[in-house]
Amino acid sequence: MTAVMLAATGWLAALGAFGTVAVLRASTERRMALVAEAAHELRAPLSAALLGLHGVGGDAAGARRVAAVELELRRAGLALEDLHAAPRGRRAPACAEPLDVRALLAEAVEAWRPLAGALSAELHYDAAGPHLLVRADRLRLTQAVGNLVLNALEHGGGPVRVRAHATRAHVRIEVRDHGPGLPAPVAALAAGGPHAGRRGHGLAIAARVVAGHGGRLLMAPVSAGACVVLELPRASQGRPLTGRAGRSAAPRGADDAVAGRLPGAR
């Protein structure tokens, strides 16, 4: 093969590579545009639904149900913020504040009861006890626990119990079911191991959230079923968060008024 033929072959290969890159870039840009359009279209109905809840409630039971629906809409808004930030390789910013874990769980469990009923499962939580304070993003922490509860309701068995208690340095949130147990260690499932499946996605989200708050995701030993634990530093322990949990937070901008951060949300 002559030098001219070699050069021509090289140029053809280079042109082919450039063409492939151009096609891939166009495809990626198209997907990013679709994500942006979906985020834009979801923002308005979520905002309208959330704002429409204000003033609705009536008696105490109705007010609790409205608060539960509002919490889930705000979680949906948070997912929308993450979707909007995803093309830039980021997630929405986390806003840390002092939280009473017992009170937060009482509100969240009320929101998850209809889902438990739809799955013919029991969901129990005892809010009695002293305040358990952490410094965390309210919606992120609810997102993490919500994924553990959904996993337990869908894949576990028997009653699902949510419990919170404190050690000297940490607050521990436990989600216990009485099913067949996890198919692999929780760290392997959260990392996307061979047995992860849909349950692994929820564990990965919970692990990321708790790590961003200086904690960790654990398994507690139980005689039957599974007990997954979110362990967080107590508010009086360690370094306080400064308003952004984790390193994947995106800068706040004009689009931060999506449903997860509507007026009145923290």
C-alpha atoms as a PDB file:
ATOM      1  CA  MET A   1       0.000   0.000   0.000  1.00  0.00           C
ATOM      2  CA  THR A   2       1.487   3.339  -1.047  1.00  0.00           C
ATOM      3  CA  ALA A   3       1.889   6.356   1.182  1.00  0.00           C
ATOM      4  CA  VAL A   4      -0.899   8.124  -0.718  1.00  0.00           C
ATOM      5  CA  MET A   5      -3.289   5.226  -0.097  1.00  0.00           C
ATOM      6  CA  LEU A   6      -2.348   5.134   3.580  1.00  0.00           C
ATOM      7  CA  ALA A   7      -2.965   8.849   3.898  1.00  0.00           C
ATOM      8  CA  ALA A   8      -6.304   8.552   2.126  1.00  0.00           C
ATOM      9  CA  THR A   9      -7.338   5.681   4.388  1.00  0.00           C
ATOM     10  CA  GLY A  10      -6.408   7.728   7.438  1.00  0.00           C
ATOM     11  CA  TRP A  11      -8.406  10.719   6.239  1.00  0.00           C
ATOM     12  CA  LEU A  12     -11.433   8.528   5.539  1.00  0.00           C
ATOM     13  CA  ALA A  13     -11.207   7.015   9.035  1.00  0.00           C
ATOM     14  CA  ALA A  14     -10.923  10.475  10.570  1.00  0.00           C
ATOM     15  CA  LEU A  15     -13.918  11.728   8.600  1.00  0.00           C
ATOM     16  CA  GLY A  16     -15.897   8.675   9.701  1.00  0.00           C
ATOM     17  CA  ALA A  17     -14.987   9.335  13.331  1.00  0.00           C
ATOM     18  CA  PHE A  18     -15.978  12.999  13.037  1.00  0.00           C
ATOM     19  CA  GLY A  19     -19.277  11.965  11.478  1.00  0.00           C
ATOM     20  CA  THR A  20     -19.974   9.535  14.305  1.00  0.00           C
ATOM     21  CA  VAL A  21     -19.187  12.199  16.907  1.00  0.00           C
ATOM     22  CA  ALA A  22     -21.488  14.670  15.151  1.00  0.00           C
ATOM     23  CA  VAL A  23     -24.341  12.162  15.095  1.00  0.00           C
ATOM     24  CA  LEU A  24     -23.844  11.301  18.781  1.00  0.00           C
ATOM     25  CA  ARG A  25     -23.706  14.987  19.721  1.00  0.00           C
ATOM     26  CA  ALA A  26     -26.896  15.725  17.804  1.00  0.00           C
ATOM     27  CA  SER A  27     -28.608  12.785  19.486  1.00  0.00           C
ATOM     28  CA  THR A  28     -27.441  13.930  22.931  1.00  0.00           C
ATOM     29  CA  GLU A  29     -28.582  17.504  22.296  1.00  0.00           C
ATOM     30  CA  ARG A  30     -31.964  16.212  21.153  1.00  0.00           C
ATOM     31  CA  ARG A  31     -32.344  14.170  24.339  1.00  0.00           C
ATOM     32  CA  MET A  32     -31.364  17.166  26.476  1.00  0.00           C
ATOM     33  CA  ALA A  33     -33.952  19.268  24.654  1.00  0.00           C
ATOM     34  CA  LEU A  34     -36.626  16.644  25.347  1.00  0.00           C
ATOM     35  CA  VAL A  35     -35.665  16.600  29.046  1.00  0.00           C
ATOM     36  CA  ALA A  36     -35.882  20.401  29.185  1.00  0.00           C
ATOM     37  CA  GLU A  37     -39.283  20.384  27.478  1.00  0.00           C
ATOM     38  CA  ALA A  38     -40.609  17.702  29.834  1.00  0.00           C
ATOM     39  CA  ALA A  39     -39.387  19.657  32.866  1.00  0.00           C
ATOM     40  CA  HIS A  40     -41.021  22.802  31.536  1.00  0.00           C
ATOM     41  CA  GLU A  41     -44.369  21.114  30.914  1.00  0.00           C
ATOM     42  CA  LEU A  42     -44.430  19.380  34.304  1.00  0.00           C
ATOM     43  CA  ARG A  43     -43.666  22.543  36.246  1.00  0.00           C
ATOM     44  CA  ALA A  44     -46.990  24.291  35.627  1.00  0.00           C
ATOM     45  CA  PRO A  45     -49.410  21.471  36.599  1.00  0.00           C
ATOM     46  CA  LEU A  46     -47.363  20.600  39.693  1.00  0.00           C
ATOM     47  CA  SER A  47     -47.321  24.240  40.738  1.00  0.00           C
ATOM     48  CA  ALA A  48     -51.058  24.584  40.150  1.00  0.00           C
ATOM     49  CA  ALA A  49     -51.853  21.410  42.091  1.00  0.00           C
ATOM     50  CA  LEU A  50     -49.720  22.493  45.042  1.00  0.00           C
ATOM     51  CA  LEU A  51     -51.133  26.002  45.166  1.00  0.00           C
ATOM     52  CA  GLY A  52     -54.640  24.596  44.810  1.00  0.00           C
ATOM     53  CA  LEU A  53     -54.278  22.739  48.113  1.00  0.00           C
ATOM     54  CA  HIS A  54     -54.039  25.943  50.125  1.00  0.00           C
ATOM     55  CA  GLY A  55     -57.245  26.662  51.962  1.00  0.00           C
ATOM     56  CA  VAL A  56     -58.520  23.097  51.556  1.00  0.00           C
ATOM     57  CA  GLY A  57     -58.766  20.787  54.534  1.00  0.00           C
ATOM     58  CA  GLY A  58     -61.772  21.360  56.751  1.00  0.00           C
ATOM     59  CA  ASP A  59     -61.430  19.202  59.871  1.00  0.00           C
ATOM     60  CA  ALA A  60     -58.184  17.959  61.410  1.00  0.00           C
ATOM     61  CA  ALA A  61     -58.211  14.688  59.466  1.00  0.00           C
ATOM     62  CA  GLY A  62     -58.736  16.560  56.199  1.00  0.00           C
ATOM     63  CA  ALA A  63     -55.934  18.961  57.041  1.00  0.00           C
ATOM     64  CA  ARG A  64     -53.562  16.057  57.689  1.00  0.00           C
ATOM     65  CA  ARG A  65     -54.493  14.470  54.361  1.00  0.00           C
ATOM     66  CA  VAL A  66     -53.937  17.763  52.510  1.00  0.00           C
ATOM     67  CA  ALA A  67     -50.550  18.154  54.208  1.00  0.00           C
ATOM     68  CA  ALA A  68     -49.652  14.622  53.129  1.00  0.00           C
ATOM     69  CA  VAL A  69     -50.596  15.307  49.509  1.00  0.00           C
ATOM     70  CA  GLU A  70     -48.671  18.583  49.608  1.00  0.00           C
ATOM     71  CA  LEU A  71     -45.571  16.772  50.855  1.00  0.00           C
ATOM     72  CA  GLU A  72     -45.720  14.286  47.974  1.00  0.00           C
ATOM     73  CA  LEU A  73     -46.199  17.100  45.464  1.00  0.00           C
ATOM     74  CA  ARG A  74     -43.129  18.799  46.855  1.00  0.00           C
ATOM     75  CA  ARG A  75     -41.208  15.527  46.470  1.00  0.00           C
ATOM     76  CA  ALA A  76     -42.346  15.402  42.856  1.00  0.00           C
ATOM     77  CA  GLY A  77     -41.150  18.972  42.476  1.00  0.00           C
ATOM     78  CA  LEU A  78     -37.750  18.005  43.853  1.00  0.00           C
ATOM     79  CA  ALA A  79     -37.502  15.200  41.291  1.00  0.00           C
ATOM     80  CA  LEU A  80     -38.395  17.748  38.627  1.00  0.00           C
ATOM     81  CA  GLU A  81     -35.604  20.038  39.804  1.00  0.00           C
ATOM     82  CA  ASP A  82     -33.181  17.117  39.554  1.00  0.00           C
ATOM     83  CA  LEU A  83     -34.459  16.355  36.058  1.00  0.00           C
ATOM     84  CA  HIS A  84     -33.932  19.969  35.038  1.00  0.00           C
ATOM     85  CA  ALA A  85     -30.357  19.953  36.359  1.00  0.00           C
ATOM     86  CA  ALA A  86     -29.495  16.494  34.958  1.00  0.00           C
ATOM     87  CA  PRO A  87     -28.313  17.643  31.478  1.00  0.00           C
ATOM     88  CA  ARG A  88     -25.625  19.688  33.244  1.00  0.00           C
ATOM     89  CA  GLY A  89     -24.526  16.641  35.248  1.00  0.00           C
ATOM     90  CA  ARG A  90     -25.932  18.085  38.472  1.00  0.00           C
ATOM     91  CA  ARG A  91     -28.796  17.806  40.904  1.00  0.00           C
ATOM     92  CA  ALA A  92     -30.903  20.465  42.520  1.00  0.00           C
ATOM     93  CA  PRO A  93     -29.366  22.208  45.553  1.00  0.00           C
ATOM     94  CA  ALA A  94     -30.075  20.923  49.032  1.00  0.00           C
ATOM     95  CA  CYS A  95     -31.109  23.343  51.772  1.00  0.00           C
ATOM     96  CA  ALA A  96     -30.178  22.184  55.265  1.00  0.00           C
ATOM     97  CA  GLU A  97     -32.157  23.214  58.338  1.00  0.00           C
ATOM     98  CA  PRO A  98     -32.658  21.881  61.877  1.00  0.00           C
ATOM     99  CA  LEU A  99     -35.277  19.123  61.744  1.00  0.00           C
ATOM    100  CA  ASP A 100     -37.115  17.044  64.310  1.00  0.00           C
ATOM    101  CA  VAL A 101     -36.950  13.570  62.766  1.00  0.00           C
ATOM    102  CA  ARG A 102     -39.948  12.260  64.700  1.00  0.00           C
ATOM    103  CA  ALA A 103     -42.205  15.070  63.483  1.00  0.00           C
ATOM    104  CA  LEU A 104     -40.957  14.781  59.904  1.00  0.00           C
ATOM    105  CA  LEU A 105     -41.620  11.026  59.867  1.00  0.00           C
ATOM    106  CA  ALA A 106     -45.099  11.457  61.326  1.00  0.00           C
ATOM    107  CA  GLU A 107     -46.002  13.780  58.456  1.00  0.00           C
ATOM    108  CA  ALA A 108     -44.353  11.571  55.828  1.00  0.00           C
ATOM    109  CA  VAL A 109     -45.904   8.297  57.019  1.00  0.00           C
ATOM    110  CA  GLU A 110     -49.342   9.911  56.747  1.00  0.00           C
ATOM    111  CA  ALA A 111     -48.546  10.602  53.088  1.00  0.00           C
ATOM    112  CA  TRP A 112     -47.501   6.997  52.471  1.00  0.00           C
ATOM    113  CA  ARG A 113     -50.519   5.314  54.090  1.00  0.00           C
ATOM    114  CA  PRO A 114     -52.706   5.412  50.946  1.00  0.00           C
ATOM    115  CA  LEU A 115     -49.941   3.668  48.991  1.00  0.00           C
ATOM    116  CA  ALA A 116     -49.635   1.025  51.700  1.00  0.00           C
ATOM    117  CA  GLY A 117     -53.380   0.491  51.521  1.00  0.00           C
ATOM    118  CA  ALA A 118     -53.256   0.156  47.726  1.00  0.00           C
ATOM    119  CA  LEU A 119     -50.579  -2.525  48.119  1.00  0.00           C
ATOM    120  CA  SER A 120     -52.600  -4.277  50.862  1.00  0.00           C
ATOM    121  CA  ALA A 121     -49.761  -3.707  53.309  1.00  0.00           C
ATOM    122  CA  GLU A 122     -49.647  -2.365  56.868  1.00  0.00           C
ATOM    123  CA  LEU A 123     -47.511   0.653  57.672  1.00  0.00           C
ATOM    124  CA  HIS A 124     -46.793   1.502  61.312  1.00  0.00           C
ATOM    125  CA  TYR A 125     -45.008   4.379  62.992  1.00  0.00           C
ATOM    126  CA  ASP A 126     -44.952   5.454  66.628  1.00  0.00           C
ATOM    127  CA  ALA A 127     -44.130   9.145  66.925  1.00  0.00           C
ATOM    128  CA  ALA A 128     -43.918   9.093  70.736  1.00  0.00           C
ATOM    129  CA  GLY A 129     -40.620  10.041  72.315  1.00  0.00           C
ATOM    130  CA  PRO A 130     -38.277  13.015  72.701  1.00  0.00           C
ATOM    131  CA  HIS A 131     -37.238  15.264  69.853  1.00  0.00           C
ATOM    132  CA  LEU A 132     -34.511  13.818  67.610  1.00  0.00           C
ATOM    133  CA  LEU A 133     -32.744  16.708  65.944  1.00  0.00           C
ATOM    134  CA  VAL A 134     -30.629  16.559  62.793  1.00  0.00           C
ATOM    135  CA  ARG A 135     -29.546  19.184  60.297  1.00  0.00           C
ATOM    136  CA  ALA A 136     -30.782  18.161  56.874  1.00  0.00           C
ATOM    137  CA  ASP A 137     -32.769  19.067  53.796  1.00  0.00           C
ATOM    138  CA  ARG A 138     -36.408  18.273  54.576  1.00  0.00           C
ATOM    139  CA  LEU A 139     -37.368  17.044  51.104  1.00  0.00           C
ATOM    140  CA  ARG A 140     -34.141  15.113  50.508  1.00  0.00           C
ATOM    141  CA  LEU A 141     -34.499  13.265  53.800  1.00  0.00           C
ATOM    142  CA  THR A 142     -38.151  12.503  53.040  1.00  0.00           C
ATOM    143  CA  GLN A 143     -37.069  11.299  49.600  1.00  0.00           C
ATOM    144  CA  ALA A 144     -34.509   8.930  51.129  1.00  0.00           C
ATOM    145  CA  VAL A 145     -36.862   7.434  53.725  1.00  0.00           C
ATOM    146  CA  GLY A 146     -39.672   7.283  51.174  1.00  0.00           C
ATOM    147  CA  ASN A 147     -37.592   5.072  48.908  1.00  0.00           C
ATOM    148  CA  LEU A 148     -36.850   2.686  51.776  1.00  0.00           C
ATOM    149  CA  VAL A 149     -40.541   2.538  52.710  1.00  0.00           C
ATOM    150  CA  LEU A 150     -41.585   1.939  49.088  1.00  0.00           C
ATOM    151  CA  ASN A 151     -39.037  -0.872  48.783  1.00  0.00           C
ATOM    152  CA  ALA A 152     -40.344  -2.472  51.969  1.00  0.00           C
ATOM    153  CA  LEU A 153     -43.977  -2.158  50.876  1.00  0.00           C
ATOM    154  CA  GLU A 154     -43.355  -3.517  47.383  1.00  0.00           C
ATOM    155  CA  HIS A 155     -40.723  -6.183  48.009  1.00  0.00           C
ATOM    156  CA  GLY A 156     -41.025  -7.044  51.693  1.00  0.00           C
ATOM    157  CA  GLY A 157     -43.782  -8.814  53.544  1.00  0.00           C
ATOM    158  CA  GLY A 158     -45.865  -8.481  56.668  1.00  0.00           C
ATOM    159  CA  PRO A 159     -46.233  -5.122  58.394  1.00  0.00           C
ATOM    160  CA  VAL A 160     -43.706  -2.398  57.579  1.00  0.00           C
ATOM    161  CA  ARG A 161     -42.530  -0.481  60.620  1.00  0.00           C
ATOM    162  CA  VAL A 162     -40.740   2.864  60.647  1.00  0.00           C
ATOM    163  CA  ARG A 163     -38.821   3.692  63.812  1.00  0.00           C
ATOM    164  CA  ALA A 164     -36.517   6.493  64.913  1.00  0.00           C
ATOM    165  CA  HIS A 165     -34.174   6.521  67.875  1.00  0.00           C
ATOM    166  CA  ALA A 166     -30.892   8.085  68.908  1.00  0.00           C
ATOM    167  CA  THR A 167     -27.464   6.975  69.969  1.00  0.00           C
ATOM    168  CA  ARG A 168     -24.963   9.262  71.638  1.00  0.00           C
ATOM    169  CA  ALA A 169     -23.805  10.744  68.305  1.00  0.00           C
ATOM    170  CA  HIS A 170     -26.408   9.745  65.740  1.00  0.00           C
ATOM    171  CA  VAL A 171     -30.096   9.593  64.887  1.00  0.00           C
ATOM    172  CA  ARG A 172     -31.124   6.318  63.261  1.00  0.00           C
ATOM    173  CA  ILE A 173     -34.200   5.891  61.065  1.00  0.00           C
ATOM    174  CA  GLU A 174     -35.101   2.223  60.626  1.00  0.00           C
ATOM    175  CA  VAL A 175     -37.450   0.747  58.030  1.00  0.00           C
ATOM    176  CA  ARG A 176     -38.287  -2.878  58.845  1.00  0.00           C
ATOM    177  CA  ASP A 177     -40.268  -5.431  56.865  1.00  0.00           C
ATOM    178  CA  HIS A 178     -40.926  -9.148  57.398  1.00  0.00           C
ATOM    179  CA  GLY A 179     -40.373 -10.420  53.870  1.00  0.00           C
ATOM    180  CA  PRO A 180     -37.660 -12.633  52.375  1.00  0.00           C
ATOM    181  CA  GLY A 181     -34.891 -10.152  53.158  1.00  0.00           C
ATOM    182  CA  LEU A 182     -32.474  -8.403  50.834  1.00  0.00           C
ATOM    183  CA  PRO A 183     -30.819 -10.516  48.102  1.00  0.00           C
ATOM    184  CA  ALA A 184     -27.400  -8.962  48.774  1.00  0.00           C
ATOM    185  CA  PRO A 185     -25.713  -6.550  51.216  1.00  0.00           C
ATOM    186  CA  VAL A 186     -27.266  -3.109  51.115  1.00  0.00           C
ATOM    187  CA  ALA A 187     -24.011  -1.494  49.899  1.00  0.00           C
ATOM    188  CA  ALA A 188     -23.842  -3.856  46.919  1.00  0.00           C
ATOM    189  CA  LEU A 189     -27.481  -3.239  46.021  1.00  0.00           C
ATOM    190  CA  ALA A 190     -27.084   0.539  46.297  1.00  0.00           C
ATOM    191  CA  ALA A 191     -24.016   0.345  44.047  1.00  0.00           C
ATOM    192  CA  GLY A 192     -26.014  -1.437  41.346  1.00  0.00           C
ATOM    193  CA  GLY A 193     -24.867  -5.011  41.943  1.00  0.00           C
ATOM    194  CA  PRO A 194     -26.206  -7.968  39.943  1.00  0.00           C
ATOM    195  CA  HIS A 195     -29.220  -8.404  42.239  1.00  0.00           C
ATOM    196  CA  ALA A 196     -30.054  -4.699  42.523  1.00  0.00           C
ATOM    197  CA  GLY A 197     -33.090  -4.380  40.242  1.00  0.00           C
ATOM    198  CA  ARG A 198     -35.680  -1.721  41.066  1.00  0.00           C
ATOM    199  CA  ARG A 199     -34.975  -2.049  44.777  1.00  0.00           C
ATOM    200  CA  GLY A 200     -31.388  -0.992  44.087  1.00  0.00           C
ATOM    201  CA  HIS A 201     -32.479   2.329  42.591  1.00  0.00           C
ATOM    202  CA  GLY A 202     -34.252   3.316  45.798  1.00  0.00           C
ATOM    203  CA  LEU A 203     -31.323   2.210  47.936  1.00  0.00           C
ATOM    204  CA  ALA A 204     -28.911   4.162  45.727  1.00  0.00           C
ATOM    205  CA  ILE A 205     -30.967   7.335  46.191  1.00  0.00           C
ATOM    206  CA  ALA A 206     -31.156   6.817  49.957  1.00  0.00           C
ATOM    207  CA  ALA A 207     -27.415   6.120  50.175  1.00  0.00           C
ATOM    208  CA  ARG A 208     -26.563   9.242  48.171  1.00  0.00           C
ATOM    209  CA  VAL A 209     -28.827  11.469  50.263  1.00  0.00           C
ATOM    210  CA  VAL A 210     -27.590  10.218  53.609  1.00  0.00           C
ATOM    211  CA  ALA A 211     -23.937  10.398  52.514  1.00  0.00           C
ATOM    212  CA  GLY A 212     -24.497  14.007  51.452  1.00  0.00           C
ATOM    213  CA  HIS A 213     -25.599  14.718  55.025  1.00  0.00           C
ATOM    214  CA  GLY A 214     -22.554  13.075  56.585  1.00  0.00           C
ATOM    215  CA  GLY A 215     -24.327   9.808  57.408  1.00  0.00           C
ATOM    216  CA  ARG A 216     -24.506   6.287  56.048  1.00  0.00           C
ATOM    217  CA  LEU A 217     -26.908   3.579  54.929  1.00  0.00           C
ATOM    218  CA  LEU A 218     -26.785   0.361  56.962  1.00  0.00           C
ATOM    219  CA  MET A 219     -28.500  -2.965  57.517  1.00  0.00           C
ATOM    220  CA  ALA A 220     -29.490  -3.905  61.050  1.00  0.00           C
ATOM    221  CA  PRO A 221     -29.474  -7.608  61.981  1.00  0.00           C
ATOM    222  CA  VAL A 222     -32.997  -9.019  62.346  1.00  0.00           C
ATOM    223  CA  SER A 223     -34.342 -12.533  62.754  1.00  0.00           C
ATOM    224  CA  ALA A 224     -36.571 -12.273  59.673  1.00  0.00           C
ATOM    225  CA  GLY A 225     -37.108  -9.832  56.824  1.00  0.00           C
ATOM    226  CA  ALA A 226     -34.936  -6.761  56.351  1.00  0.00           C
ATOM    227  CA  CYS A 227     -34.165  -3.679  58.407  1.00  0.00           C
ATOM    228  CA  VAL A 228     -32.504  -0.836  56.498  1.00  0.00           C
ATOM    229  CA  VAL A 229     -31.154   2.076  58.525  1.00  0.00           C
ATOM    230  CA  LEU A 230     -30.412   5.698  57.697  1.00  0.00           C
ATOM    231  CA  GLU A 231     -27.870   6.931  60.220  1.00  0.00           C
ATOM    232  CA  LEU A 232     -27.398  10.704  60.490  1.00  0.00           C
ATOM    233  CA  PRO A 233     -25.268  12.867  62.787  1.00  0.00           C
ATOM    234  CA  ARG A 234     -27.253  14.456  65.601  1.00  0.00           C
ATOM    235  CA  ALA A 235     -27.611  18.216  65.193  1.00  0.00           C
ATOM    236  CA  SER A 236     -25.324  18.840  68.172  1.00  0.00           C
ATOM    237  CA  GLN A 237     -22.609  16.550  66.825  1.00  0.00           C
ATOM    238  CA  GLY A 238     -19.973  17.084  64.136  1.00  0.00           C
ATOM    239  CA  ARG A 239     -19.808  19.896  61.620  1.00  0.00           C
ATOM    240  CA  PRO A 240     -23.115  21.569  60.768  1.00  0.00           C
ATOM    241  CA  LEU A 241     -24.209  21.658  57.150  1.00  0.00           C
ATOM    242  CA  THR A 242     -23.967  25.042  55.476  1.00  0.00           C
ATOM    243  CA  GLY A 243     -27.026  24.845  53.278  1.00  0.00           C
ATOM    244  CA  ARG A 244     -25.905  22.413  50.564  1.00  0.00           C
ATOM    245  CA  ALA A 245     -25.770  18.699  51.190  1.00  0.00           C
ATOM    246  CA  GLY A 246     -23.467  16.768  48.891  1.00  0.00           C
ATOM    247  CA  ARG A 247     -21.194  17.938  46.060  1.00  0.00           C
ATOM    248  CA  SER A 248     -23.692  17.637  43.204  1.00  0.00           C
ATOM    249  CA  ALA A 249     -25.739  20.732  43.997  1.00  0.00           C
ATOM    250  CA  ALA A 250     -26.525  23.050  41.115  1.00  0.00           C
ATOM    251  CA  PRO A 251     -26.480  26.842  41.470  1.00  0.00           C
ATOM    252  CA  ARG A 252     -29.845  28.401  42.193  1.00  0.00           C
ATOM    253  CA  GLY A 253     -31.381  30.456  39.421  1.00  0.00           C
ATOM    254  CA  ALA A 254     -34.616  31.701  37.947  1.00  0.00           C
ATOM    255  CA  ASP A 255     -35.890  28.172  37.453  1.00  0.00           C
ATOM    256  CA  ASP A 256     -35.801  27.375  41.163  1.00  0.00           C
ATOM    257  CA  ALA A 257     -39.508  28.202  41.446  1.00  0.00           C
ATOM    258  CA  VAL A 258     -40.464  24.689  40.338  1.00  0.00           C
ATOM    259  CA  ALA A 259     -42.922  22.740  42.424  1.00  0.00           C
ATOM    260  CA  GLY A 260     -40.382  21.461  44.955  1.00  0.00           C
ATOM    261  CA  ARG A 261     -39.394  25.028  45.909  1.00  0.00           C
ATOM    262  CA  LEU A 262     -42.667  26.910  45.447  1.00  0.00           C
ATOM    263  CA  PRO A 263     -43.513  29.826  47.725  1.00  0.00           C
ATOM    264  CA  GLY A 264     -43.943  28.498  51.233  1.00  0.00           C
ATOM    265  CA  ALA A 265     -41.584  25.523  50.655  1.00  0.00           C
ATOM    266  CA  ARG A 266     -38.283  25.183  52.414  1.00  0.00           C
END
